C-alpha cells in the first residue's frame, strides 16, 4: 500500500477506523479530543496523551494524498 493513491475512506476525518483505534481503547476519548483540537487548528499532529509520541492527524495524511502503509492511527484511507 506504500505510496498508493487511493480514495479517502467513507467516514469523517474525525473518526479513525476501529482497527486503528478500537472503541474500547482506554484513552480513546483523550486521543479523539487531542486529534480534534489539532484538526481544528490545522496542525499536522498532536502528542499522544499516554506516550507523548507525535501522531499525525487524518487531515495532514489526507493532504499528503497517498497512504504510506505504516499503520497510522488516523489513516484516512483505511476502509476495510
PDB file of N, CA and C in Angstrom:
ATOM      1  N   UNK A   1       0.825  -1.192   0.000  1.00  0.00           N
ATOM      2  CA  UNK A   1       0.000   0.000   0.000  1.00  0.00           C
ATOM      3  C   UNK A   1       0.866   1.252   0.000  1.00  0.00           C
ATOM      4  N   UNK A   2       2.132   1.149   0.202  1.00  0.00           N
ATOM      5  CA  UNK A   2       3.019   2.296   0.308  1.00  0.00           C
ATOM      6  C   UNK A   2       2.977   3.183  -0.926  1.00  0.00           C
ATOM      7  N   UNK A   3       2.689   4.465  -0.715  1.00  0.00           N
ATOM      8  CA  UNK A   3       2.662   5.434  -1.787  1.00  0.00           C
ATOM      9  C   UNK A   3       1.502   5.278  -2.745  1.00  0.00           C
ATOM     10  N   UNK A   4       0.600   4.376  -2.443  1.00  0.00           N
ATOM     11  CA  UNK A   4      -0.522   4.079  -3.324  1.00  0.00           C
ATOM     12  C   UNK A   4      -1.596   5.155  -3.234  1.00  0.00           C
ATOM     13  N   UNK A   5      -2.012   5.675  -4.387  1.00  0.00           N
ATOM     14  CA  UNK A   5      -3.101   6.651  -4.419  1.00  0.00           C
ATOM     15  C   UNK A   5      -4.409   5.901  -4.278  1.00  0.00           C
ATOM     16  N   UNK A   6      -5.180   6.285  -3.287  1.00  0.00           N
ATOM     17  CA  UNK A   6      -6.471   5.652  -3.020  1.00  0.00           C
ATOM     18  C   UNK A   6      -7.463   6.735  -2.663  1.00  0.00           C
ATOM     19  N   UNK A   7      -8.746   6.469  -2.832  1.00  0.00           N
ATOM     20  CA  UNK A   7      -9.737   7.449  -2.391  1.00  0.00           C
ATOM     21  C   UNK A   7      -9.802   7.462  -0.860  1.00  0.00           C
ATOM     22  N   UNK A   8     -10.238   8.584  -0.321  1.00  0.00           N
ATOM     23  CA  UNK A   8     -10.423   8.667   1.129  1.00  0.00           C
ATOM     24  C   UNK A   8     -11.533   7.718   1.546  1.00  0.00           C
ATOM     25  N   UNK A   9     -11.445   7.219   2.750  1.00  0.00           N
ATOM     26  CA  UNK A   9     -12.467   6.328   3.295  1.00  0.00           C
ATOM     27  C   UNK A   9     -13.781   7.088   3.448  1.00  0.00           C
ATOM     28  N   UNK A  10     -14.851   6.360   3.490  1.00  0.00           N
ATOM     29  CA  UNK A  10     -16.180   6.960   3.603  1.00  0.00           C
ATOM     30  C   UNK A  10     -16.589   7.252   5.033  1.00  0.00           C
ATOM     31  N   UNK A  11     -15.748   7.944   5.774  1.00  0.00           N
ATOM     32  CA  UNK A  11     -16.081   8.346   7.154  1.00  0.00           C
ATOM     33  C   UNK A  11     -15.441   9.706   7.401  1.00  0.00           C
ATOM     34  N   UNK A  12     -15.931  10.429   8.404  1.00  0.00           N
ATOM     35  CA  UNK A  12     -15.336  11.743   8.694  1.00  0.00           C
ATOM     36  C   UNK A  12     -13.867  11.611   9.128  1.00  0.00           C
ATOM     37  N   UNK A  13     -13.092  12.635   8.857  1.00  0.00           N
ATOM     38  CA  UNK A  13     -11.687  12.622   9.267  1.00  0.00           C
ATOM     39  C   UNK A  13     -11.540  12.563  10.782  1.00  0.00           C
ATOM     40  N   UNK A  14     -12.582  12.899  11.501  1.00  0.00           N
ATOM     41  CA  UNK A  14     -12.536  12.877  12.964  1.00  0.00           C
ATOM     42  C   UNK A  14     -12.711  11.472  13.541  1.00  0.00           C
ATOM     43  N   UNK A  15     -13.095  10.513  12.707  1.00  0.00           N
ATOM     44  CA  UNK A  15     -13.372   9.159  13.186  1.00  0.00           C
ATOM     45  C   UNK A  15     -12.364   8.163  12.628  1.00  0.00           C
ATOM     46  N   UNK A  16     -11.426   7.680  13.465  1.00  0.00           N
ATOM     47  CA  UNK A  16     -10.454   6.695  12.981  1.00  0.00           C
ATOM     48  C   UNK A  16     -11.112   5.332  12.758  1.00  0.00           C
ATOM     49  N   UNK A  17     -10.518   4.556  11.886  1.00  0.00           N
ATOM     50  CA  UNK A  17     -11.008   3.205  11.642  1.00  0.00           C
ATOM     51  C   UNK A  17     -10.861   2.401  12.936  1.00  0.00           C
ATOM     52  N   UNK A  18     -11.852   1.568  13.278  1.00  0.00           N
ATOM     53  CA  UNK A  18     -11.780   0.807  14.539  1.00  0.00           C
ATOM     54  C   UNK A  18     -10.571  -0.110  14.652  1.00  0.00           C
ATOM     55  N   UNK A  19      -9.983  -0.495  13.525  1.00  0.00           N
ATOM     56  CA  UNK A  19      -8.783  -1.336  13.612  1.00  0.00           C
ATOM     57  C   UNK A  19      -7.565  -0.529  14.058  1.00  0.00           C
ATOM     58  N   UNK A  20      -7.642   0.788  13.930  1.00  0.00           N
ATOM     59  CA  UNK A  20      -6.525   1.659  14.304  1.00  0.00           C
ATOM     60  C   UNK A  20      -6.712   2.268  15.701  1.00  0.00           C
ATOM     61  N   UNK A  21      -7.967   2.488  16.090  1.00  0.00           N
ATOM     62  CA  UNK A  21      -8.267   2.986  17.437  1.00  0.00           C
ATOM     63  C   UNK A  21      -9.590   2.359  17.861  1.00  0.00           C
ATOM     64  N   UNK A  22      -9.518   1.214  18.519  1.00  0.00           N
ATOM     65  CA  UNK A  22     -10.727   0.493  18.898  1.00  0.00           C
ATOM     66  C   UNK A  22     -11.615   1.295  19.847  1.00  0.00           C
ATOM     67  N   UNK A  23     -12.927   1.092  19.747  1.00  0.00           N
ATOM     68  CA  UNK A  23     -13.857   1.803  20.635  1.00  0.00           C
ATOM     69  C   UNK A  23     -13.575   1.577  22.122  1.00  0.00           C
ATOM     70  N   UNK A  24     -13.000   0.433  22.467  1.00  0.00           N
ATOM     71  CA  UNK A  24     -12.735   0.123  23.873  1.00  0.00           C
ATOM     72  C   UNK A  24     -11.357   0.599  24.361  1.00  0.00           C
ATOM     73  N   UNK A  25     -10.607   1.279  23.518  1.00  0.00           N
ATOM     74  CA  UNK A  25      -9.277   1.766  23.918  1.00  0.00           C
ATOM     75  C   UNK A  25      -9.437   2.674  25.144  1.00  0.00           C
ATOM     76  N   UNK A  26      -8.652   2.451  26.204  1.00  0.00           N
ATOM     77  CA  UNK A  26      -8.826   3.214  27.442  1.00  0.00           C
ATOM     78  C   UNK A  26      -8.603   4.726  27.304  1.00  0.00           C
ATOM     79  N   UNK A  27      -7.804   5.158  26.337  1.00  0.00           N
ATOM     80  CA  UNK A  27      -7.536   6.584  26.159  1.00  0.00           C
ATOM     81  C   UNK A  27      -8.266   7.177  24.952  1.00  0.00           C
ATOM     82  N   UNK A  28      -9.248   6.459  24.424  1.00  0.00           N
ATOM     83  CA  UNK A  28      -9.934   6.884  23.202  1.00  0.00           C
ATOM     84  C   UNK A  28     -10.474   8.308  23.291  1.00  0.00           C
ATOM     85  N   UNK A  29     -11.167   8.650  24.364  1.00  0.00           N
ATOM     86  CA  UNK A  29     -11.752   9.996  24.489  1.00  0.00           C
ATOM     87  C   UNK A  29     -10.665  11.069  24.486  1.00  0.00           C
ATOM     88  N   UNK A  30      -9.573  10.834  25.203  1.00  0.00           N
ATOM     89  CA  UNK A  30      -8.464  11.802  25.232  1.00  0.00           C
ATOM     90  C   UNK A  30      -7.802  11.917  23.868  1.00  0.00           C
ATOM     91  N   UNK A  31      -7.627  10.782  23.210  1.00  0.00           N
ATOM     92  CA  UNK A  31      -6.997  10.773  21.885  1.00  0.00           C
ATOM     93  C   UNK A  31      -7.863  11.531  20.881  1.00  0.00           C
ATOM     94  N   UNK A  32      -9.164  11.240  20.873  1.00  0.00           N
ATOM     95  CA  UNK A  32     -10.063  11.905  19.929  1.00  0.00           C
ATOM     96  C   UNK A  32     -10.147  13.409  20.199  1.00  0.00           C
ATOM     97  N   UNK A  33     -10.094  13.803  21.462  1.00  0.00           N
ATOM     98  CA  UNK A  33     -10.116  15.235  21.789  1.00  0.00           C
ATOM     99  C   UNK A  33      -8.839  15.915  21.306  1.00  0.00           C
ATOM    100  N   UNK A  34      -7.694  15.279  21.507  1.00  0.00           N
ATOM    101  CA  UNK A  34      -6.424  15.847  21.048  1.00  0.00           C
ATOM    102  C   UNK A  34      -6.387  15.920  19.531  1.00  0.00           C
ATOM    103  N   UNK A  35      -6.895  14.892  18.872  1.00  0.00           N
ATOM    104  CA  UNK A  35      -6.940  14.864  17.406  1.00  0.00           C
ATOM    105  C   UNK A  35      -7.862  15.965  16.882  1.00  0.00           C
ATOM    106  N   UNK A  36      -9.042  16.101  17.473  1.00  0.00           N
ATOM    107  CA  UNK A  36      -9.994  17.129  17.036  1.00  0.00           C
ATOM    108  C   UNK A  36      -9.415  18.532  17.204  1.00  0.00           C
ATOM    109  N   UNK A  37      -8.723  18.773  18.296  1.00  0.00           N
ATOM    110  CA  UNK A  37      -8.113  20.086  18.535  1.00  0.00           C
ATOM    111  C   UNK A  37      -7.027  20.369  17.491  1.00  0.00           C
ATOM    112  N   UNK A  38      -6.219  19.366  17.182  1.00  0.00           N
ATOM    113  CA  UNK A  38      -5.168  19.544  16.170  1.00  0.00           C
ATOM    114  C   UNK A  38      -5.776  19.761  14.787  1.00  0.00           C
ATOM    115  N   UNK A  39      -6.832  19.019  14.459  1.00  0.00           N
ATOM    116  CA  UNK A  39      -7.515  19.210  13.176  1.00  0.00           C
ATOM    117  C   UNK A  39      -8.060  20.634  13.067  1.00  0.00           C
ATOM    118  N   UNK A  40      -8.748  21.088  14.114  1.00  0.00           N
ATOM    119  CA  UNK A  40      -9.352  22.421  14.110  1.00  0.00           C
ATOM    120  C   UNK A  40      -8.302  23.520  13.973  1.00  0.00           C
ATOM    121  N   UNK A  41      -7.132  23.294  14.527  1.00  0.00           N
ATOM    122  CA  UNK A  41      -6.056  24.278  14.472  1.00  0.00           C
ATOM    123  C   UNK A  41      -5.231  24.160  13.184  1.00  0.00           C
ATOM    124  N   UNK A  42      -5.518  23.152  12.369  1.00  0.00           N
ATOM    125  CA  UNK A  42      -4.762  22.961  11.135  1.00  0.00           C
ATOM    126  C   UNK A  42      -3.359  22.437  11.365  1.00  0.00           C
ATOM    127  N   UNK A  43      -3.133  21.816  12.508  1.00  0.00           N
ATOM    128  CA  UNK A  43      -1.807  21.300  12.842  1.00  0.00           C
ATOM    129  C   UNK A  43      -1.590  19.928  12.209  1.00  0.00           C
ATOM    130  N   UNK A  44      -0.351  19.576  11.994  1.00  0.00           N
ATOM    131  CA  UNK A  44      -0.010  18.294  11.378  1.00  0.00           C
ATOM    132  C   UNK A  44      -0.268  17.120  12.315  1.00  0.00           C
ATOM    133  N   UNK A  45      -0.221  17.354  13.608  1.00  0.00           N
ATOM    134  CA  UNK A  45      -0.406  16.264  14.549  1.00  0.00           C
ATOM    135  C   UNK A  45      -0.519  16.757  15.972  1.00  0.00           C
ATOM    136  N   UNK A  46      -0.437  15.822  16.896  1.00  0.00           N
ATOM    137  CA  UNK A  46      -0.586  16.115  18.318  1.00  0.00           C
ATOM    138  C   UNK A  46       0.228  15.105  19.118  1.00  0.00           C
ATOM    139  N   UNK A  47       0.603  15.429  20.350  1.00  0.00           N
ATOM    140  CA  UNK A  47       1.291  14.444  21.185  1.00  0.00           C
ATOM    141  C   UNK A  47       0.272  13.452  21.758  1.00  0.00           C
ATOM    142  N   UNK A  48       0.575  12.173  21.645  1.00  0.00           N
ATOM    143  CA  UNK A  48      -0.301  11.149  22.192  1.00  0.00           C
ATOM    144  C   UNK A  48      -0.442  11.368  23.699  1.00  0.00           C
ATOM    145  N   UNK A  49      -1.676  11.368  24.209  1.00  0.00           N
ATOM    146  CA  UNK A  49      -1.877  11.626  25.645  1.00  0.00           C
ATOM    147  C   UNK A  49      -1.170  10.637  26.570  1.00  0.00           C
ATOM    148  N   UNK A  50      -1.005   9.387  26.145  1.00  0.00           N
ATOM    149  CA  UNK A  50      -0.385   8.380  27.008  1.00  0.00           C
ATOM    150  C   UNK A  50       1.129   8.313  26.861  1.00  0.00           C
ATOM    151  N   UNK A  51       1.632   8.450  25.635  1.00  0.00           N
ATOM    152  CA  UNK A  51       3.062   8.227  25.403  1.00  0.00           C
ATOM    153  C   UNK A  51       3.856   9.488  25.107  1.00  0.00           C
ATOM    154  N   UNK A  52       3.160  10.544  24.658  1.00  0.00           N
ATOM    155  CA  UNK A  52       3.846  11.764  24.267  1.00  0.00           C
ATOM    156  C   UNK A  52       4.407  11.711  22.855  1.00  0.00           C
ATOM    157  N   UNK A  53       4.288  10.568  22.179  1.00  0.00           N
ATOM    158  CA  UNK A  53       4.767  10.446  20.804  1.00  0.00           C
ATOM    159  C   UNK A  53       3.901  11.295  19.878  1.00  0.00           C
ATOM    160  N   UNK A  54       4.484  11.833  18.822  1.00  0.00           N
ATOM    161  CA  UNK A  54       3.766  12.681  17.877  1.00  0.00           C
ATOM    162  C   UNK A  54       2.943  11.809  16.936  1.00  0.00           C
ATOM    163  N   UNK A  55       1.645  12.112  16.826  1.00  0.00           N
ATOM    164  CA  UNK A  55       0.713  11.360  15.989  1.00  0.00           C
ATOM    165  C   UNK A  55       0.173  12.286  14.907  1.00  0.00           C
ATOM    166  N   UNK A  56       0.264  11.878  13.648  1.00  0.00           N
ATOM    167  CA  UNK A  56      -0.234  12.691  12.538  1.00  0.00           C
ATOM    168  C   UNK A  56      -1.761  12.669  12.489  1.00  0.00           C
ATOM    169  N   UNK A  57      -2.345  13.788  12.110  1.00  0.00           N
ATOM    170  CA  UNK A  57      -3.803  13.869  12.000  1.00  0.00           C
ATOM    171  C   UNK A  57      -4.268  13.309  10.663  1.00  0.00           C
ATOM    172  N   UNK A  58      -5.543  12.959  10.605  1.00  0.00           N
ATOM    173  CA  UNK A  58      -6.151  12.495   9.357  1.00  0.00           C
ATOM    174  C   UNK A  58      -6.113  13.602   8.311  1.00  0.00           C
ATOM    175  N   UNK A  59      -6.256  14.841   8.734  1.00  0.00           N
ATOM    176  CA  UNK A  59      -6.200  15.960   7.799  1.00  0.00           C
ATOM    177  C   UNK A  59      -4.846  16.070   7.128  1.00  0.00           C
ATOM    178  N   UNK A  60      -3.783  15.952   7.898  1.00  0.00           N
ATOM    179  CA  UNK A  60      -2.433  16.008   7.337  1.00  0.00           C
ATOM    180  C   UNK A  60      -2.221  14.851   6.368  1.00  0.00           C
ATOM    181  N   UNK A  61      -2.629  13.650   6.789  1.00  0.00           N
ATOM    182  CA  UNK A  61      -2.438  12.466   5.950  1.00  0.00           C
ATOM    183  C   UNK A  61      -3.258  12.554   4.664  1.00  0.00           C
ATOM    184  N   UNK A  62      -4.455  13.120   4.740  1.00  0.00           N
ATOM    185  CA  UNK A  62      -5.298  13.281   3.544  1.00  0.00           C
ATOM    186  C   UNK A  62      -4.667  14.278   2.580  1.00  0.00           C
ATOM    187  N   UNK A  63      -4.111  15.362   3.108  1.00  0.00           N
ATOM    188  CA  UNK A  63      -3.468  16.369   2.248  1.00  0.00           C
ATOM    189  C   UNK A  63      -2.237  15.809   1.542  1.00  0.00           C
ATOM    190  N   UNK A  64      -1.599  14.844   2.176  1.00  0.00           N
ATOM    191  CA  UNK A  64      -0.412  14.222   1.572  1.00  0.00           C
ATOM    192  C   UNK A  64      -0.792  13.486   0.287  1.00  0.00           C
ATOM    193  N   UNK A  65      -2.001  12.930   0.251  1.00  0.00           N
ATOM    194  CA  UNK A  65      -2.522  12.352  -0.983  1.00  0.00           C
ATOM    195  C   UNK A  65      -2.288  10.881  -1.221  1.00  0.00           C
ATOM    196  N   UNK A  66      -1.480  10.241  -0.395  1.00  0.00           N
ATOM    197  CA  UNK A  66      -1.238   8.810  -0.554  1.00  0.00           C
ATOM    198  C   UNK A  66      -1.137   8.143   0.810  1.00  0.00           C
ATOM    199  N   UNK A  67      -1.364   6.844   0.805  1.00  0.00           N
ATOM    200  CA  UNK A  67      -1.194   6.047   2.019  1.00  0.00           C
ATOM    201  C   UNK A  67       0.246   5.561   2.071  1.00  0.00           C
ATOM    202  N   UNK A  68       0.886   5.717   3.210  1.00  0.00           N
ATOM    203  CA  UNK A  68       2.279   5.287   3.351  1.00  0.00           C
ATOM    204  C   UNK A  68       2.385   3.816   3.731  1.00  0.00           C
ATOM    205  N   UNK A  69       1.285   3.215   4.187  1.00  0.00           N
ATOM    206  CA  UNK A  69       1.298   1.804   4.550  1.00  0.00           C
ATOM    207  C   UNK A  69       1.936   1.496   5.882  1.00  0.00           C
ATOM    208  N   UNK A  70       2.120   2.506   6.732  1.00  0.00           N
ATOM    209  CA  UNK A  70       2.796   2.292   8.020  1.00  0.00           C
ATOM    210  C   UNK A  70       1.847   2.096   9.198  1.00  0.00           C
ATOM    211  N   UNK A  71       0.543   2.033   8.941  1.00  0.00           N
ATOM    212  CA  UNK A  71      -0.409   1.767  10.006  1.00  0.00           C
ATOM    213  C   UNK A  71      -0.755   2.970  10.860  1.00  0.00           C
ATOM    214  N   UNK A  72      -0.771   4.143  10.276  1.00  0.00           N
ATOM    215  CA  UNK A  72      -1.069   5.379  11.027  1.00  0.00           C
ATOM    216  C   UNK A  72      -2.422   5.284  11.733  1.00  0.00           C
ATOM    217  N   UNK A  73      -2.475   5.771  12.948  1.00  0.00           N
ATOM    218  CA  UNK A  73      -3.684   5.720  13.757  1.00  0.00           C
ATOM    219  C   UNK A  73      -4.871   6.386  13.070  1.00  0.00           C
ATOM    220  N   UNK A  74      -4.646   7.527  12.440  1.00  0.00           N
ATOM    221  CA  UNK A  74      -5.741   8.286  11.834  1.00  0.00           C
ATOM    222  C   UNK A  74      -5.737   8.215  10.304  1.00  0.00           C
ATOM    223  N   UNK A  75      -5.223   7.127   9.751  1.00  0.00           N
ATOM    224  CA  UNK A  75      -5.147   6.992   8.295  1.00  0.00           C
ATOM    225  C   UNK A  75      -6.530   7.188   7.664  1.00  0.00           C
ATOM    226  N   UNK A  76      -6.660   8.180   6.787  1.00  0.00           N
ATOM    227  CA  UNK A  76      -7.959   8.439   6.177  1.00  0.00           C
ATOM    228  C   UNK A  76      -8.258   7.542   4.982  1.00  0.00           C
ATOM    229  N   UNK A  77      -7.365   6.613   4.669  1.00  0.00           N
ATOM    230  CA  UNK A  77      -7.537   5.738   3.512  1.00  0.00           C
ATOM    231  C   UNK A  77      -8.039   4.351   3.889  1.00  0.00           C
ATOM    232  N   UNK A  78      -7.905   3.951   5.138  1.00  0.00           N
ATOM    233  CA  UNK A  78      -8.303   2.610   5.581  1.00  0.00           C
ATOM    234  C   UNK A  78      -9.827   2.538   5.619  1.00  0.00           C
ATOM    235  N   UNK A  79     -10.369   1.571   4.900  1.00  0.00           N
ATOM    236  CA  UNK A  79     -11.821   1.403   4.875  1.00  0.00           C
ATOM    237  C   UNK A  79     -12.162  -0.063   4.600  1.00  0.00           C
ATOM    238  N   UNK A  80     -11.608  -0.946   5.406  1.00  0.00           N
ATOM    239  CA  UNK A  80     -11.803  -2.390   5.208  1.00  0.00           C
ATOM    240  C   UNK A  80     -13.081  -2.869   5.819  1.00  0.00           C
TER     241      UNK A  80
END
